[in-house]
C-alpha cells in the first residue's frame, strides 16, 4: 500500500466525528511537542498560585472572554 498523502489523511480525518477529530489533533500535537524543561510544572504551579492570590486579594480582576476575544480581533484582524 502506498504511503498516505497529507490531503488524503486530512480528508479522512475531517469526516470523523468531532470527538475523534479532537483526539486525533491531541495525539498529533503531543507527538511533536518537546519535553517540558525540568521544574516547568512546579514553576507553573507557583505562577497559578500567585495569580489566584492576586485575584482573591482584589489586586487583579477577571476580564470577560468576549472582551478578550474582541481585543484579539483588534490586534490581529483576520486571524
N, C-alpha and C. Protein backbone atom coordinates (compact mmCIF):
# COMPACT_ATOMS: atom_id res chain seq x y z
N UNK A 1 0.85 -1.18 0.00
CA UNK A 1 0.00 0.00 0.00
C UNK A 1 0.90 1.24 0.00
N UNK A 2 0.65 2.21 -0.90
CA UNK A 2 1.48 3.42 -0.93
C UNK A 2 1.22 4.28 0.30
N UNK A 3 2.22 5.07 0.69
CA UNK A 3 2.01 5.95 1.86
C UNK A 3 0.90 6.95 1.59
N UNK A 4 0.15 7.28 2.64
CA UNK A 4 -0.95 8.23 2.52
C UNK A 4 -0.39 9.64 2.34
N UNK A 5 -1.10 10.45 1.60
CA UNK A 5 -0.71 11.84 1.42
C UNK A 5 -1.39 12.70 2.48
N UNK A 6 -0.87 13.87 2.66
CA UNK A 6 -1.47 14.80 3.62
C UNK A 6 -2.92 15.09 3.24
N UNK A 7 -3.17 15.30 1.95
CA UNK A 7 -4.54 15.58 1.51
C UNK A 7 -5.47 14.42 1.81
N UNK A 8 -5.01 13.19 1.56
CA UNK A 8 -5.85 12.02 1.81
C UNK A 8 -6.11 11.86 3.31
N UNK A 9 -5.05 12.02 4.11
CA UNK A 9 -5.23 11.92 5.56
C UNK A 9 -6.17 13.00 6.08
N UNK A 10 -6.00 14.22 5.58
CA UNK A 10 -6.86 15.33 6.01
C UNK A 10 -8.31 15.04 5.66
N UNK A 11 -8.55 14.56 4.45
CA UNK A 11 -9.91 14.24 4.03
C UNK A 11 -10.52 13.20 4.95
N UNK A 12 -9.76 12.13 5.22
CA UNK A 12 -10.27 11.07 6.10
C UNK A 12 -10.52 11.60 7.51
N UNK A 13 -9.63 12.44 7.99
CA UNK A 13 -9.78 12.97 9.35
C UNK A 13 -10.99 13.88 9.48
N UNK A 14 -11.25 14.66 8.45
CA UNK A 14 -12.34 15.64 8.53
C UNK A 14 -13.73 15.01 8.49
N UNK A 15 -13.83 13.74 8.13
CA UNK A 15 -15.14 13.09 8.16
C UNK A 15 -15.39 12.37 9.49
N UNK A 16 -14.39 12.37 10.36
CA UNK A 16 -14.58 11.77 11.69
C UNK A 16 -15.52 12.63 12.52
N UNK A 17 -16.17 12.03 13.51
CA UNK A 17 -16.98 12.83 14.45
C UNK A 17 -16.08 13.81 15.21
N UNK A 18 -16.63 14.93 15.67
CA UNK A 18 -15.83 15.94 16.36
C UNK A 18 -14.96 15.39 17.49
N UNK A 19 -15.48 14.48 18.31
CA UNK A 19 -14.70 13.97 19.44
C UNK A 19 -13.45 13.23 18.95
N UNK A 20 -13.59 12.49 17.86
CA UNK A 20 -12.44 11.75 17.32
C UNK A 20 -11.44 12.70 16.65
N UNK A 21 -11.93 13.78 16.03
CA UNK A 21 -11.01 14.76 15.44
C UNK A 21 -10.21 15.44 16.53
N UNK A 22 -10.86 15.74 17.66
CA UNK A 22 -10.15 16.36 18.79
C UNK A 22 -9.09 15.40 19.32
N UNK A 23 -9.45 14.13 19.47
CA UNK A 23 -8.49 13.13 19.97
C UNK A 23 -7.31 13.00 19.01
N UNK A 24 -7.58 12.99 17.71
CA UNK A 24 -6.51 12.91 16.71
C UNK A 24 -5.61 14.14 16.78
N UNK A 25 -6.22 15.32 16.86
CA UNK A 25 -5.43 16.55 16.94
C UNK A 25 -4.53 16.53 18.17
N UNK A 26 -5.06 16.05 19.29
CA UNK A 26 -4.26 15.97 20.52
C UNK A 26 -3.09 15.02 20.32
N UNK A 27 -3.34 13.85 19.75
CA UNK A 27 -2.27 12.88 19.51
C UNK A 27 -1.18 13.46 18.62
N UNK A 28 -1.59 14.17 17.57
CA UNK A 28 -0.61 14.77 16.68
C UNK A 28 0.20 15.85 17.39
N UNK A 29 -0.47 16.68 18.16
CA UNK A 29 0.22 17.74 18.88
C UNK A 29 1.22 17.18 19.88
N UNK A 30 0.80 16.19 20.64
CA UNK A 30 1.69 15.58 21.64
C UNK A 30 2.91 14.95 20.96
N UNK A 31 2.72 14.44 19.73
CA UNK A 31 3.82 13.76 19.05
C UNK A 31 4.94 14.72 18.64
N UNK A 32 4.66 16.02 18.59
CA UNK A 32 5.69 16.97 18.17
C UNK A 32 6.08 17.97 19.26
N UNK A 33 5.41 17.93 20.39
CA UNK A 33 5.76 18.84 21.48
C UNK A 33 7.06 18.40 22.13
N UNK A 34 7.94 19.35 22.41
CA UNK A 34 9.16 18.98 23.13
C UNK A 34 8.82 18.62 24.58
N UNK A 35 9.69 17.84 25.18
CA UNK A 35 9.51 17.51 26.59
C UNK A 35 9.68 18.78 27.41
N UNK A 36 8.85 18.95 28.45
CA UNK A 36 8.99 20.16 29.27
C UNK A 36 10.33 20.18 29.99
N UNK A 37 10.80 21.37 30.23
CA UNK A 37 12.05 21.51 30.97
C UNK A 37 11.86 21.05 32.40
N UNK A 38 12.91 20.53 33.00
CA UNK A 38 12.79 20.12 34.41
C UNK A 38 12.37 21.32 35.26
N UNK A 39 11.41 21.09 36.12
CA UNK A 39 10.93 22.15 37.01
C UNK A 39 9.83 23.01 36.40
N UNK A 40 9.48 22.78 35.13
CA UNK A 40 8.46 23.62 34.49
C UNK A 40 7.11 23.47 35.18
N UNK A 41 6.74 22.24 35.51
CA UNK A 41 5.44 22.03 36.16
C UNK A 41 5.38 22.76 37.50
N UNK A 42 6.44 22.68 38.28
CA UNK A 42 6.47 23.36 39.58
C UNK A 42 6.41 24.88 39.39
N UNK A 43 7.10 25.38 38.37
CA UNK A 43 7.07 26.82 38.10
C UNK A 43 5.66 27.27 37.73
N UNK A 44 4.97 26.47 36.89
CA UNK A 44 3.60 26.83 36.52
C UNK A 44 2.67 26.77 37.73
N UNK A 45 2.84 25.76 38.58
CA UNK A 45 2.01 25.67 39.79
C UNK A 45 2.20 26.91 40.66
N UNK A 46 3.43 27.36 40.81
CA UNK A 46 3.70 28.57 41.58
C UNK A 46 3.07 29.80 40.96
N UNK A 47 3.18 29.92 39.64
CA UNK A 47 2.58 31.06 38.93
C UNK A 47 1.06 31.06 39.08
N UNK A 48 0.46 29.90 38.96
CA UNK A 48 -1.00 29.79 39.13
C UNK A 48 -1.40 30.21 40.53
N UNK A 49 -0.66 29.75 41.54
CA UNK A 49 -0.97 30.12 42.93
C UNK A 49 -0.85 31.63 43.13
N UNK A 50 0.19 32.25 42.55
CA UNK A 50 0.36 33.71 42.68
C UNK A 50 -0.80 34.46 42.02
N UNK A 51 -1.21 33.99 40.85
CA UNK A 51 -2.31 34.67 40.15
C UNK A 51 -3.62 34.54 40.91
N UNK A 52 -3.87 33.37 41.47
CA UNK A 52 -5.09 33.18 42.27
C UNK A 52 -5.05 34.08 43.49
N UNK A 53 -3.90 34.17 44.16
CA UNK A 53 -3.77 35.03 45.34
C UNK A 53 -4.02 36.48 44.97
N UNK A 54 -3.46 36.96 43.85
CA UNK A 54 -3.70 38.35 43.41
C UNK A 54 -5.17 38.59 43.12
N UNK A 55 -5.82 37.62 42.50
CA UNK A 55 -7.26 37.76 42.20
C UNK A 55 -8.06 37.78 43.49
N UNK A 56 -7.78 36.84 44.39
CA UNK A 56 -8.51 36.75 45.66
C UNK A 56 -8.34 38.01 46.49
N UNK A 57 -7.18 38.67 46.41
CA UNK A 57 -6.94 39.88 47.20
C UNK A 57 -7.50 41.13 46.53
N UNK A 58 -8.02 40.98 45.31
CA UNK A 58 -8.57 42.13 44.60
C UNK A 58 -7.52 42.90 43.82
N UNK A 59 -6.29 42.41 43.83
CA UNK A 59 -5.19 43.08 43.12
C UNK A 59 -5.35 42.99 41.60
N UNK A 60 -6.02 41.95 41.13
CA UNK A 60 -6.29 41.81 39.70
C UNK A 60 -7.76 41.46 39.51
N UNK A 61 -8.25 41.68 38.30
CA UNK A 61 -9.66 41.43 38.03
C UNK A 61 -9.80 40.50 36.83
N UNK A 62 -10.90 39.77 36.80
CA UNK A 62 -11.20 38.91 35.66
C UNK A 62 -11.68 39.78 34.50
N UNK A 63 -11.39 39.32 33.30
CA UNK A 63 -11.84 40.00 32.08
C UNK A 63 -12.75 39.02 31.35
N UNK A 64 -13.97 39.42 31.02
CA UNK A 64 -14.87 38.51 30.31
C UNK A 64 -14.25 38.02 28.99
N UNK A 65 -14.48 36.77 28.68
CA UNK A 65 -13.90 36.18 27.46
C UNK A 65 -14.29 36.96 26.22
N UNK A 66 -15.52 37.43 26.14
CA UNK A 66 -15.96 38.19 24.97
C UNK A 66 -15.10 39.43 24.76
N UNK A 67 -14.72 40.07 25.86
CA UNK A 67 -13.87 41.25 25.77
C UNK A 67 -12.46 40.88 25.33
N UNK A 68 -11.94 39.79 25.85
CA UNK A 68 -10.60 39.33 25.45
C UNK A 68 -10.57 39.04 23.96
N UNK A 69 -11.57 38.29 23.46
CA UNK A 69 -11.59 37.94 22.05
C UNK A 69 -11.78 39.18 21.16
N UNK A 70 -12.56 40.15 21.64
CA UNK A 70 -12.74 41.39 20.88
C UNK A 70 -11.41 42.14 20.77
N UNK A 71 -10.65 42.17 21.86
CA UNK A 71 -9.33 42.82 21.83
C UNK A 71 -8.40 42.09 20.87
N UNK A 72 -8.43 40.77 20.90
CA UNK A 72 -7.58 39.99 20.00
C UNK A 72 -7.93 40.26 18.54
N UNK A 73 -9.23 40.39 18.24
CA UNK A 73 -9.63 40.67 16.86
C UNK A 73 -9.12 42.05 16.42
N UNK A 74 -9.04 43.00 17.36
CA UNK A 74 -8.49 44.33 17.03
C UNK A 74 -7.00 44.24 16.74
N UNK A 75 -6.31 43.45 17.52
CA UNK A 75 -4.85 43.32 17.39
C UNK A 75 -4.49 42.54 16.13
N UNK A 76 -5.22 41.46 15.88
CA UNK A 76 -4.89 40.58 14.76
C UNK A 76 -6.13 40.29 13.92
N UNK A 77 -6.60 41.29 13.18
CA UNK A 77 -7.80 41.08 12.37
C UNK A 77 -7.56 39.99 11.32
N UNK A 78 -8.58 39.20 11.08
CA UNK A 78 -8.49 38.16 10.07
C UNK A 78 -7.81 36.90 10.54
N UNK A 79 -7.40 36.83 11.77
CA UNK A 79 -6.72 35.63 12.27
C UNK A 79 -7.70 34.65 12.83
